[in-house]
Every structure is written in C-alpha cells, then in structure tokens.
Amino acid sequence: MIKNTQKKIRQEDRFAKIACLGDSVFHTQDLASLWQIKNPGTLYMLLNRYAKKGLLFRIYKGFYSIKPVEQIDPIKLGIKALHGFAYVSTETVLSKAGIIQQNIYGVTFVSSRSKKFLIGGNHYYSRKLKDIYLYQPAGIIYENGVKTATTERAVADLLYFNPNAYFDGAMLIDWKKVIEIQKEIGYSLTPERYGK
C-alpha cells in the first residue's frame, strides 16, 4: 500500500511540474530534464504508461501533449514542433494584414531549419534563415504567447527570401518601416520594391 501511494505521489508530482510550465506540448528531452530522468528506458516506459492511461497524448515519436492535438493552438503546436527559435512570419502575417490575398495553406514560420510538415491536419512551412539575421529582434513581437513578425518584418523577411514576391495590398505597407527593419537586421535593401 505504501509503495502504491509513493508511486501515485511521484506521478502527481511529475504532472504538477508540467502544470507549472504552463505549456501543453513537450519533447521527450524536455520531460527527461523536467522529471530528472537520465535513463531513456525509464523515460519511455513512463511515457508509454501515461499515454495508455490517457494522461499524455503522443503526437509523434518524441513529441507529447497533455491535451489531444485538436485542442492545441495550431500555431503554438507548430512552433513547439520546430523545437528551436522560430517565429510566425511571411505569408501567414501578410495574409492576416490583407497584403497577400491568395489563400494561404498552412502556417509559415522563419527558423533555423527549412521544413514542411503536417500535424493533426495542420500544414506548416518553415523557411530557414541564417543565424545572423534570425536572432535580430527588430519587428518581432509576442502575440498570444508566440513570437510573431510585425507586418513590416514579414515584408522584409519575404523580400529576403524572394525579392520578386508579389504583394496584392502593397499600398498597405509602411515602406519606411520596412527599410528601417532591413537595415537593422542587415538584410540587403530592395529599393526597386519600395512603394510598388
């Protein structure tokens, strides 16, 4: 009886630690560190047990959640899946601002890796940006707990990746701010695009 009580306390303690983080999505390395488990076999045994009990949900190998995938904010899910510094930018931001009016399928990120992926019916695309530009904070804000490019940063990012990108609502762009951001980040200037 004492053994079962200790086991239950340890399980509750593990989930209390997860709750303190305020996040619902985790990689196995995050949980190993949080729970201070060094033996991979022990960790995977616990994860399998918790998944069978419905306490954790396996999204894919090495990636778990305390909620079903359909209950997780798709943007936070995509950011967490990239497992590194990333922010929402380019088409996702520009579509929301009315600057790109085509249908955008999926969420677009900028990160240290190029990757297309699908999780729970959500499509994602991450563009790889060199570290010297990626970590420049100019034009990046927190929106709903996620790093997100401002409209001007998203324009600057898209012009970095595609200097010939077309903007349906170019008149909505504050080109002065775009130039400031391009300079601050260190992107090449694109004077042929300003105001077009």
C-alpha atoms as a PDB file:
ATOM      1  CA  MET A   1       0.000   0.000   0.000  1.00  0.00           C
ATOM      2  CA  ILE A   2       2.845   2.387   0.878  1.00  0.00           C
ATOM      3  CA  LYS A   3       4.570   1.564  -2.410  1.00  0.00           C
ATOM      4  CA  ASN A   4       1.410   2.396  -4.439  1.00  0.00           C
ATOM      5  CA  THR A   5       0.961   5.662  -2.506  1.00  0.00           C
ATOM      6  CA  GLN A   6       4.584   6.657  -3.219  1.00  0.00           C
ATOM      7  CA  LYS A   7       4.113   5.783  -6.892  1.00  0.00           C
ATOM      8  CA  LYS A   8       0.935   7.902  -7.073  1.00  0.00           C
ATOM      9  CA  ILE A   9       2.662  10.827  -5.365  1.00  0.00           C
ATOM     10  CA  ARG A  10       5.531  10.653  -7.846  1.00  0.00           C
ATOM     11  CA  GLN A  11       3.087  10.607 -10.781  1.00  0.00           C
ATOM     12  CA  GLU A  12       1.186  13.579  -9.362  1.00  0.00           C
ATOM     13  CA  ASP A  13       4.484  15.376  -8.757  1.00  0.00           C
ATOM     14  CA  ARG A  14       5.513  14.828 -12.383  1.00  0.00           C
ATOM     15  CA  PHE A  15       2.280  16.289 -13.692  1.00  0.00           C
ATOM     16  CA  ALA A  16       2.434  19.140 -11.180  1.00  0.00           C
ATOM     17  CA  LYS A  17       5.833  20.044 -12.673  1.00  0.00           C
ATOM     18  CA  ILE A  18       4.307  20.021 -16.164  1.00  0.00           C
ATOM     19  CA  ALA A  19       1.455  22.249 -14.964  1.00  0.00           C
ATOM     20  CA  CYS A  20       3.956  24.764 -13.540  1.00  0.00           C
ATOM     21  CA  LEU A  21       5.455  25.224 -17.015  1.00  0.00           C
ATOM     22  CA  GLY A  22       2.127  26.455 -18.373  1.00  0.00           C
ATOM     23  CA  ASP A  23       2.659  24.611 -21.658  1.00  0.00           C
ATOM     24  CA  SER A  24       0.781  21.653 -23.079  1.00  0.00           C
ATOM     25  CA  VAL A  25       3.293  20.291 -25.632  1.00  0.00           C
ATOM     26  CA  PHE A  26       6.663  18.681 -24.856  1.00  0.00           C
ATOM     27  CA  HIS A  27       9.546  16.837 -26.425  1.00  0.00           C
ATOM     28  CA  THR A  28      10.924  13.790 -24.622  1.00  0.00           C
ATOM     29  CA  GLN A  29      14.128  15.715 -23.798  1.00  0.00           C
ATOM     30  CA  ASP A  30      12.019  18.401 -22.068  1.00  0.00           C
ATOM     31  CA  LEU A  31      10.301  15.777 -19.929  1.00  0.00           C
ATOM     32  CA  ALA A  32      13.544  13.951 -19.127  1.00  0.00           C
ATOM     33  CA  SER A  33      15.039  17.199 -17.871  1.00  0.00           C
ATOM     34  CA  LEU A  34      11.902  18.285 -16.018  1.00  0.00           C
ATOM     35  CA  TRP A  35      11.469  14.923 -14.305  1.00  0.00           C
ATOM     36  CA  GLN A  36      15.245  14.437 -13.860  1.00  0.00           C
ATOM     37  CA  ILE A  37      15.225  11.044 -15.561  1.00  0.00           C
ATOM     38  CA  LYS A  38      18.573  10.065 -17.077  1.00  0.00           C
ATOM     39  CA  ASN A  39      17.722   6.542 -18.193  1.00  0.00           C
ATOM     40  CA  PRO A  40      15.968   6.650 -21.613  1.00  0.00           C
ATOM     41  CA  GLY A  41      14.356   3.256 -20.970  1.00  0.00           C
ATOM     42  CA  THR A  42      12.716   4.520 -17.772  1.00  0.00           C
ATOM     43  CA  LEU A  43      11.509   7.649 -19.541  1.00  0.00           C
ATOM     44  CA  TYR A  44       9.976   5.761 -22.473  1.00  0.00           C
ATOM     45  CA  MET A  45       8.345   3.248 -20.127  1.00  0.00           C
ATOM     46  CA  LEU A  46       6.707   6.123 -18.198  1.00  0.00           C
ATOM     47  CA  LEU A  47       5.632   7.905 -21.383  1.00  0.00           C
ATOM     48  CA  ASN A  48       4.044   4.718 -22.754  1.00  0.00           C
ATOM     49  CA  ARG A  49       2.266   4.081 -19.447  1.00  0.00           C
ATOM     50  CA  TYR A  50       0.949   7.651 -19.253  1.00  0.00           C
ATOM     51  CA  ALA A  51      -0.171   7.549 -22.892  1.00  0.00           C
ATOM     52  CA  LYS A  52      -2.077   4.286 -22.296  1.00  0.00           C
ATOM     53  CA  LYS A  53      -3.795   5.859 -19.275  1.00  0.00           C
ATOM     54  CA  GLY A  54      -4.749   8.916 -21.350  1.00  0.00           C
ATOM     55  CA  LEU A  55      -2.629  11.250 -19.198  1.00  0.00           C
ATOM     56  CA  LEU A  56      -0.385  12.137 -22.149  1.00  0.00           C
ATOM     57  CA  PHE A  57      -1.035  12.113 -25.895  1.00  0.00           C
ATOM     58  CA  ARG A  58       1.666  11.029 -28.326  1.00  0.00           C
ATOM     59  CA  ILE A  59       1.726  13.471 -31.252  1.00  0.00           C
ATOM     60  CA  TYR A  60       4.597  11.637 -32.927  1.00  0.00           C
ATOM     61  CA  LYS A  61       7.768   9.914 -31.764  1.00  0.00           C
ATOM     62  CA  GLY A  62       9.420  12.056 -29.119  1.00  0.00           C
ATOM     63  CA  PHE A  63       6.636  14.676 -29.062  1.00  0.00           C
ATOM     64  CA  TYR A  64       3.826  14.589 -26.485  1.00  0.00           C
ATOM     65  CA  SER A  65       0.966  16.683 -25.202  1.00  0.00           C
ATOM     66  CA  ILE A  66      -1.290  16.797 -22.162  1.00  0.00           C
ATOM     67  CA  LYS A  67      -4.227  17.576 -24.500  1.00  0.00           C
ATOM     68  CA  PRO A  68      -5.491  15.976 -27.705  1.00  0.00           C
ATOM     69  CA  VAL A  69      -3.927  17.616 -30.774  1.00  0.00           C
ATOM     70  CA  GLU A  70      -7.213  19.152 -31.919  1.00  0.00           C
ATOM     71  CA  GLN A  71      -7.401  21.112 -28.647  1.00  0.00           C
ATOM     72  CA  ILE A  72      -3.992  22.754 -29.068  1.00  0.00           C
ATOM     73  CA  ASP A  73      -3.491  26.133 -30.728  1.00  0.00           C
ATOM     74  CA  PRO A  74      -2.134  25.160 -34.190  1.00  0.00           C
ATOM     75  CA  ILE A  75       0.450  27.960 -34.198  1.00  0.00           C
ATOM     76  CA  LYS A  76       1.841  27.018 -30.777  1.00  0.00           C
ATOM     77  CA  LEU A  77       1.882  23.380 -31.879  1.00  0.00           C
ATOM     78  CA  GLY A  78       3.913  24.203 -34.998  1.00  0.00           C
ATOM     79  CA  ILE A  79       6.370  26.405 -33.083  1.00  0.00           C
ATOM     80  CA  LYS A  80       6.901  23.678 -30.487  1.00  0.00           C
ATOM     81  CA  ALA A  81       7.355  21.028 -33.193  1.00  0.00           C
ATOM     82  CA  LEU A  82      10.257  23.010 -34.654  1.00  0.00           C
ATOM     83  CA  HIS A  83      11.971  22.647 -31.257  1.00  0.00           C
ATOM     84  CA  GLY A  84      14.067  25.782 -31.506  1.00  0.00           C
ATOM     85  CA  PHE A  85      13.877  29.515 -32.059  1.00  0.00           C
ATOM     86  CA  ALA A  86      11.097  30.287 -34.545  1.00  0.00           C
ATOM     87  CA  TYR A  87       8.528  32.960 -35.219  1.00  0.00           C
ATOM     88  CA  VAL A  88       5.401  33.343 -37.346  1.00  0.00           C
ATOM     89  CA  SER A  89       6.123  35.439 -40.442  1.00  0.00           C
ATOM     90  CA  THR A  90       5.844  35.846 -44.227  1.00  0.00           C
ATOM     91  CA  GLU A  91       2.572  34.654 -45.790  1.00  0.00           C
ATOM     92  CA  THR A  92       0.726  33.989 -42.524  1.00  0.00           C
ATOM     93  CA  VAL A  93       1.308  37.520 -41.212  1.00  0.00           C
ATOM     94  CA  LEU A  94       0.853  39.198 -44.601  1.00  0.00           C
ATOM     95  CA  SER A  95      -2.375  37.351 -45.325  1.00  0.00           C
ATOM     96  CA  LYS A  96      -3.782  38.400 -41.955  1.00  0.00           C
ATOM     97  CA  ALA A  97      -2.840  42.040 -42.742  1.00  0.00           C
ATOM     98  CA  GLY A  98      -4.539  41.879 -46.178  1.00  0.00           C
ATOM     99  CA  ILE A  99      -1.253  42.371 -48.038  1.00  0.00           C
ATOM    100  CA  ILE A 100      -1.440  38.904 -49.602  1.00  0.00           C
ATOM    101  CA  GLN A 101      -4.932  37.978 -50.674  1.00  0.00           C
ATOM    102  CA  GLN A 102      -4.399  34.497 -52.098  1.00  0.00           C
ATOM    103  CA  ASN A 103      -5.455  31.536 -49.983  1.00  0.00           C
ATOM    104  CA  ILE A 104      -2.601  30.564 -47.712  1.00  0.00           C
ATOM    105  CA  TYR A 105      -2.488  26.891 -46.832  1.00  0.00           C
ATOM    106  CA  GLY A 106      -0.806  26.334 -43.522  1.00  0.00           C
ATOM    107  CA  VAL A 107       1.220  28.410 -41.125  1.00  0.00           C
ATOM    108  CA  THR A 108       4.526  29.916 -42.212  1.00  0.00           C
ATOM    109  CA  PHE A 109       7.453  30.276 -39.845  1.00  0.00           C
ATOM    110  CA  VAL A 110      11.001  31.531 -40.005  1.00  0.00           C
ATOM    111  CA  SER A 111      13.510  29.410 -38.076  1.00  0.00           C
ATOM    112  CA  SER A 112      16.943  27.818 -38.293  1.00  0.00           C
ATOM    113  CA  ARG A 113      15.650  24.987 -40.457  1.00  0.00           C
ATOM    114  CA  SER A 114      13.758  24.501 -43.671  1.00  0.00           C
ATOM    115  CA  LYS A 115      10.890  22.114 -43.119  1.00  0.00           C
ATOM    116  CA  LYS A 116       7.409  21.270 -44.385  1.00  0.00           C
ATOM    117  CA  PHE A 117       5.310  19.208 -42.024  1.00  0.00           C
ATOM    118  CA  LEU A 118       1.790  18.186 -41.094  1.00  0.00           C
ATOM    119  CA  ILE A 119       0.400  17.642 -37.586  1.00  0.00           C
ATOM    120  CA  GLY A 120      -3.209  16.787 -36.864  1.00  0.00           C
ATOM    121  CA  GLY A 121      -4.426  18.114 -40.203  1.00  0.00           C
ATOM    122  CA  ASN A 122      -2.472  21.389 -39.831  1.00  0.00           C
ATOM    123  CA  HIS A 123       0.061  22.242 -42.554  1.00  0.00           C
ATOM    124  CA  TYR A 124       3.281  24.067 -41.685  1.00  0.00           C
ATOM    125  CA  TYR A 125       6.179  25.517 -43.608  1.00  0.00           C
ATOM    126  CA  SER A 126       9.360  26.857 -42.049  1.00  0.00           C
ATOM    127  CA  ARG A 127      11.869  28.905 -44.012  1.00  0.00           C
ATOM    128  CA  LYS A 128      15.498  28.649 -42.935  1.00  0.00           C
ATOM    129  CA  LEU A 129      17.131  31.959 -42.035  1.00  0.00           C
ATOM    130  CA  LYS A 130      20.823  32.445 -41.238  1.00  0.00           C
ATOM    131  CA  ASP A 131      21.502  32.883 -37.535  1.00  0.00           C
ATOM    132  CA  ILE A 132      22.976  36.379 -38.036  1.00  0.00           C
ATOM    133  CA  TYR A 133      19.505  37.503 -39.170  1.00  0.00           C
ATOM    134  CA  LEU A 134      17.274  35.068 -37.292  1.00  0.00           C
ATOM    135  CA  TYR A 135      18.020  36.325 -33.803  1.00  0.00           C
ATOM    136  CA  GLN A 136      17.688  40.012 -34.670  1.00  0.00           C
ATOM    137  CA  PRO A 137      14.646  41.164 -32.645  1.00  0.00           C
ATOM    138  CA  ALA A 138      13.673  44.063 -34.948  1.00  0.00           C
ATOM    139  CA  GLY A 139       9.980  43.780 -35.767  1.00  0.00           C
ATOM    140  CA  ILE A 140       9.288  40.671 -33.696  1.00  0.00           C
ATOM    141  CA  ILE A 141       6.561  40.883 -31.066  1.00  0.00           C
ATOM    142  CA  TYR A 142       4.788  38.464 -28.751  1.00  0.00           C
ATOM    143  CA  GLU A 143       1.259  37.780 -29.872  1.00  0.00           C
ATOM    144  CA  ASN A 144      -0.815  35.277 -27.877  1.00  0.00           C
ATOM    145  CA  GLY A 145       2.379  33.891 -26.331  1.00  0.00           C
ATOM    146  CA  VAL A 146       4.089  33.297 -29.701  1.00  0.00           C
ATOM    147  CA  LYS A 147       6.890  35.250 -31.362  1.00  0.00           C
ATOM    148  CA  THR A 148       5.335  36.892 -34.412  1.00  0.00           C
ATOM    149  CA  ALA A 149       6.703  39.234 -37.068  1.00  0.00           C
ATOM    150  CA  THR A 150       5.129  42.635 -37.439  1.00  0.00           C
ATOM    151  CA  THR A 151       3.761  43.332 -40.903  1.00  0.00           C
ATOM    152  CA  GLU A 152       6.947  45.218 -41.820  1.00  0.00           C
ATOM    153  CA  ARG A 153       9.223  42.438 -40.541  1.00  0.00           C
ATOM    154  CA  ALA A 154       7.165  39.895 -42.517  1.00  0.00           C
ATOM    155  CA  VAL A 155       7.587  42.017 -45.678  1.00  0.00           C
ATOM    156  CA  ALA A 156      11.345  42.322 -45.043  1.00  0.00           C
ATOM    157  CA  ASP A 157      11.597  38.553 -44.435  1.00  0.00           C
ATOM    158  CA  LEU A 158       9.667  37.687 -47.593  1.00  0.00           C
ATOM    159  CA  LEU A 159      11.765  40.082 -49.677  1.00  0.00           C
ATOM    160  CA  TYR A 160      14.902  38.443 -48.242  1.00  0.00           C
ATOM    161  CA  PHE A 161      13.675  35.015 -49.374  1.00  0.00           C
ATOM    162  CA  ASN A 162      12.096  36.235 -52.622  1.00  0.00           C
ATOM    163  CA  PRO A 163      12.970  39.772 -53.813  1.00  0.00           C
ATOM    164  CA  ASN A 164      10.300  39.405 -56.550  1.00  0.00           C
ATOM    165  CA  ALA A 165       7.462  38.481 -54.163  1.00  0.00           C
ATOM    166  CA  TYR A 166       4.120  39.960 -55.154  1.00  0.00           C
ATOM    167  CA  PHE A 167       2.041  41.950 -52.658  1.00  0.00           C
ATOM    168  CA  ASP A 168      -1.651  42.364 -53.520  1.00  0.00           C
ATOM    169  CA  GLY A 169      -2.025  45.151 -50.970  1.00  0.00           C
ATOM    170  CA  ALA A 170       1.342  46.901 -51.440  1.00  0.00           C
ATOM    171  CA  MET A 171      -0.313  50.230 -50.598  1.00  0.00           C
ATOM    172  CA  LEU A 172      -0.907  48.919 -47.059  1.00  0.00           C
ATOM    173  CA  ILE A 173       2.837  48.504 -46.433  1.00  0.00           C
ATOM    174  CA  ASP A 174       4.761  51.111 -44.447  1.00  0.00           C
ATOM    175  CA  TRP A 175       7.868  51.013 -46.643  1.00  0.00           C
ATOM    176  CA  LYS A 176       9.785  53.382 -44.375  1.00  0.00           C
ATOM    177  CA  LYS A 177       9.488  50.876 -41.532  1.00  0.00           C
ATOM    178  CA  VAL A 178      10.426  48.016 -43.872  1.00  0.00           C
ATOM    179  CA  ILE A 179      13.639  49.870 -44.821  1.00  0.00           C
ATOM    180  CA  GLU A 180      14.434  50.513 -41.139  1.00  0.00           C
ATOM    181  CA  ILE A 181      13.978  46.831 -40.340  1.00  0.00           C
ATOM    182  CA  GLN A 182      16.046  45.710 -43.336  1.00  0.00           C
ATOM    183  CA  LYS A 183      18.884  47.963 -42.157  1.00  0.00           C
ATOM    184  CA  GLU A 184      18.620  46.907 -38.517  1.00  0.00           C
ATOM    185  CA  ILE A 185      18.619  43.193 -39.371  1.00  0.00           C
ATOM    186  CA  GLY A 186      21.341  43.547 -42.006  1.00  0.00           C
ATOM    187  CA  TYR A 187      19.240  42.404 -44.965  1.00  0.00           C
ATOM    188  CA  SER A 188      20.112  43.769 -48.397  1.00  0.00           C
ATOM    189  CA  LEU A 189      17.953  46.755 -49.267  1.00  0.00           C
ATOM    190  CA  THR A 190      15.418  46.328 -52.073  1.00  0.00           C
ATOM    191  CA  PRO A 191      14.825  49.883 -53.364  1.00  0.00           C
ATOM    192  CA  GLU A 192      13.211  48.635 -56.561  1.00  0.00           C
ATOM    193  CA  ARG A 193      10.321  47.316 -54.429  1.00  0.00           C
ATOM    194  CA  TYR A 194       9.577  50.311 -52.216  1.00  0.00           C
ATOM    195  CA  GLY A 195       6.145  51.714 -52.851  1.00  0.00           C
ATOM    196  CA  LYS A 196       5.279  49.253 -55.624  1.00  0.00           C
END
